[in-house]
Amino acid sequence: METVVKVGGMKCGGCVKSVTGVLSELPDVQKVEVSLEQNEARVEHGAGCSLEAIRAAIEDAGFDAL
């Protein structure tokens, strides 16, 4: 399945790399695409990864999961 989350607070490529890194480490995640232009993260994952876990990872990295 695919989950799309708006991400607030990203300002540069380093921010994109940070968000991509924390999301890629979540269990059952197959693919992560983070867009600075659209301020969003697209996460392809299985049932072992929840929306709550995705949002928590983004917020733990210092960004806002909207």
N, C-alpha and C. Protein backbone atom coordinates (compact mmCIF):
# COMPACT_ATOMS: atom_id res chain seq x y z
N MET A 1 0.84 -1.18 0.00
CA MET A 1 0.00 0.00 0.00
C MET A 1 0.88 1.24 0.00
N GLU A 2 0.28 2.36 -0.36
CA GLU A 2 1.03 3.62 -0.39
C GLU A 2 0.36 4.63 0.54
N THR A 3 1.17 5.30 1.34
CA THR A 3 0.70 6.34 2.22
C THR A 3 1.40 7.64 1.85
N VAL A 4 0.63 8.72 1.73
CA VAL A 4 1.19 10.04 1.43
C VAL A 4 0.96 10.94 2.64
N VAL A 5 2.05 11.55 3.12
CA VAL A 5 1.97 12.44 4.28
C VAL A 5 2.59 13.77 3.91
N LYS A 6 1.90 14.85 4.19
CA LYS A 6 2.46 16.19 4.01
C LYS A 6 3.52 16.40 5.09
N VAL A 7 4.65 17.00 4.69
CA VAL A 7 5.76 17.23 5.62
C VAL A 7 6.05 18.72 5.68
N GLY A 8 5.98 19.29 6.86
CA GLY A 8 6.28 20.70 7.05
C GLY A 8 7.68 20.89 7.62
N GLY A 9 8.30 21.99 7.23
CA GLY A 9 9.60 22.34 7.80
C GLY A 9 10.80 21.97 6.95
N MET A 10 10.60 21.31 5.82
CA MET A 10 11.72 20.97 4.95
C MET A 10 12.13 22.20 4.16
N LYS A 11 13.45 22.47 4.12
CA LYS A 11 13.93 23.67 3.43
C LYS A 11 15.00 23.39 2.38
N CYS A 12 15.58 22.16 2.39
CA CYS A 12 16.69 21.89 1.47
C CYS A 12 16.81 20.39 1.21
N GLY A 13 17.78 20.05 0.38
CA GLY A 13 18.03 18.66 0.06
C GLY A 13 18.45 17.84 1.27
N GLY A 14 19.12 18.48 2.22
CA GLY A 14 19.50 17.78 3.45
C GLY A 14 18.29 17.35 4.24
N CYS A 15 17.26 18.20 4.24
CA CYS A 15 16.01 17.86 4.93
C CYS A 15 15.36 16.65 4.26
N VAL A 16 15.34 16.66 2.95
CA VAL A 16 14.77 15.54 2.19
C VAL A 16 15.52 14.26 2.53
N LYS A 17 16.84 14.34 2.58
CA LYS A 17 17.66 13.17 2.90
C LYS A 17 17.36 12.65 4.31
N SER A 18 17.19 13.57 5.25
CA SER A 18 16.89 13.18 6.63
C SER A 18 15.55 12.44 6.72
N VAL A 19 14.52 13.01 6.09
CA VAL A 19 13.19 12.39 6.12
C VAL A 19 13.23 11.04 5.40
N THR A 20 13.88 10.99 4.26
CA THR A 20 13.99 9.73 3.52
C THR A 20 14.67 8.66 4.37
N GLY A 21 15.73 9.06 5.07
CA GLY A 21 16.49 8.11 5.89
C GLY A 21 15.66 7.52 7.02
N VAL A 22 14.95 8.36 7.76
CA VAL A 22 14.18 7.83 8.90
C VAL A 22 13.01 6.97 8.43
N LEU A 23 12.40 7.34 7.31
CA LEU A 23 11.29 6.54 6.80
C LEU A 23 11.76 5.21 6.24
N SER A 24 12.93 5.21 5.62
CA SER A 24 13.48 3.98 5.05
C SER A 24 13.81 2.94 6.12
N GLU A 25 14.06 3.40 7.34
CA GLU A 25 14.41 2.50 8.44
C GLU A 25 13.20 1.85 9.10
N LEU A 26 12.01 2.31 8.79
CA LEU A 26 10.81 1.72 9.39
C LEU A 26 10.60 0.30 8.89
N PRO A 27 10.04 -0.57 9.73
CA PRO A 27 9.80 -1.95 9.30
C PRO A 27 8.76 -2.03 8.19
N ASP A 28 8.98 -2.93 7.26
CA ASP A 28 8.04 -3.25 6.18
C ASP A 28 7.90 -2.13 5.15
N VAL A 29 8.90 -1.23 5.06
CA VAL A 29 8.89 -0.17 4.06
C VAL A 29 9.67 -0.65 2.84
N GLN A 30 9.04 -0.56 1.66
CA GLN A 30 9.70 -0.98 0.43
C GLN A 30 10.31 0.20 -0.34
N LYS A 31 9.64 1.36 -0.32
CA LYS A 31 10.11 2.48 -1.13
C LYS A 31 9.68 3.79 -0.48
N VAL A 32 10.57 4.79 -0.55
CA VAL A 32 10.27 6.11 -0.01
C VAL A 32 10.63 7.16 -1.05
N GLU A 33 9.71 8.08 -1.31
CA GLU A 33 9.98 9.23 -2.17
C GLU A 33 9.56 10.48 -1.41
N VAL A 34 10.50 11.39 -1.22
CA VAL A 34 10.22 12.64 -0.51
C VAL A 34 10.40 13.79 -1.49
N SER A 35 9.40 14.67 -1.57
CA SER A 35 9.44 15.81 -2.49
C SER A 35 9.50 17.11 -1.72
N LEU A 36 10.57 17.86 -1.93
CA LEU A 36 10.71 19.18 -1.32
C LEU A 36 9.70 20.15 -1.94
N GLU A 37 9.50 20.05 -3.25
CA GLU A 37 8.60 20.94 -3.96
C GLU A 37 7.15 20.78 -3.52
N GLN A 38 6.75 19.53 -3.29
CA GLN A 38 5.36 19.26 -2.90
C GLN A 38 5.20 19.12 -1.39
N ASN A 39 6.31 19.19 -0.66
CA ASN A 39 6.29 19.05 0.80
C ASN A 39 5.54 17.79 1.23
N GLU A 40 5.94 16.66 0.63
CA GLU A 40 5.27 15.42 1.00
C GLU A 40 6.21 14.23 0.91
N ALA A 41 5.81 13.18 1.61
CA ALA A 41 6.52 11.91 1.57
C ALA A 41 5.55 10.84 1.11
N ARG A 42 5.99 10.03 0.14
CA ARG A 42 5.21 8.88 -0.34
C ARG A 42 5.94 7.63 0.12
N VAL A 43 5.23 6.81 0.85
CA VAL A 43 5.84 5.61 1.42
C VAL A 43 5.07 4.38 0.95
N GLU A 44 5.77 3.49 0.25
CA GLU A 44 5.19 2.20 -0.12
C GLU A 44 5.58 1.22 0.97
N HIS A 45 4.56 0.55 1.54
CA HIS A 45 4.83 -0.32 2.69
C HIS A 45 3.79 -1.42 2.79
N GLY A 46 4.13 -2.39 3.61
CA GLY A 46 3.21 -3.48 3.91
C GLY A 46 2.45 -3.20 5.19
N ALA A 47 1.72 -4.19 5.65
CA ALA A 47 0.87 -4.04 6.82
C ALA A 47 1.66 -3.81 8.12
N GLY A 48 2.95 -4.11 8.11
CA GLY A 48 3.77 -3.93 9.31
C GLY A 48 4.16 -2.50 9.60
N CYS A 49 3.76 -1.56 8.75
CA CYS A 49 4.08 -0.14 8.93
C CYS A 49 2.78 0.65 8.94
N SER A 50 2.58 1.45 9.98
CA SER A 50 1.32 2.19 10.12
C SER A 50 1.52 3.68 9.84
N LEU A 51 0.42 4.36 9.59
CA LEU A 51 0.45 5.81 9.41
C LEU A 51 1.01 6.48 10.66
N GLU A 52 0.65 5.98 11.82
CA GLU A 52 1.15 6.55 13.07
C GLU A 52 2.68 6.43 13.16
N ALA A 53 3.23 5.31 12.73
CA ALA A 53 4.68 5.11 12.76
C ALA A 53 5.37 6.05 11.78
N ILE A 54 4.76 6.26 10.62
CA ILE A 54 5.33 7.17 9.62
C ILE A 54 5.35 8.60 10.17
N ARG A 55 4.22 9.03 10.72
CA ARG A 55 4.15 10.38 11.29
C ARG A 55 5.13 10.56 12.44
N ALA A 56 5.24 9.56 13.31
CA ALA A 56 6.15 9.64 14.45
C ALA A 56 7.60 9.76 13.99
N ALA A 57 7.98 9.01 12.95
CA ALA A 57 9.35 9.06 12.44
C ALA A 57 9.66 10.44 11.88
N ILE A 58 8.72 11.02 11.15
CA ILE A 58 8.92 12.36 10.59
C ILE A 58 9.09 13.38 11.71
N GLU A 59 8.23 13.30 12.72
CA GLU A 59 8.29 14.26 13.82
C GLU A 59 9.53 14.06 14.68
N ASP A 60 9.96 12.81 14.87
CA ASP A 60 11.19 12.54 15.62
C ASP A 60 12.42 13.10 14.91
N ALA A 61 12.33 13.24 13.58
CA ALA A 61 13.43 13.79 12.80
C ALA A 61 13.43 15.33 12.82
N GLY A 62 12.41 15.92 13.47
CA GLY A 62 12.37 17.37 13.63
C GLY A 62 11.49 18.10 12.63
N PHE A 63 10.63 17.37 11.93
CA PHE A 63 9.75 17.98 10.94
C PHE A 63 8.30 17.77 11.37
N ASP A 64 7.39 18.45 10.69
CA ASP A 64 5.97 18.33 11.02
C ASP A 64 5.30 17.38 10.05
N ALA A 65 4.59 16.39 10.59
CA ALA A 65 3.78 15.48 9.77
C ALA A 65 2.37 16.04 9.77
N LEU A 66 1.94 16.56 8.62
CA LEU A 66 0.65 17.24 8.53
C LEU A 66 -0.43 16.34 7.96
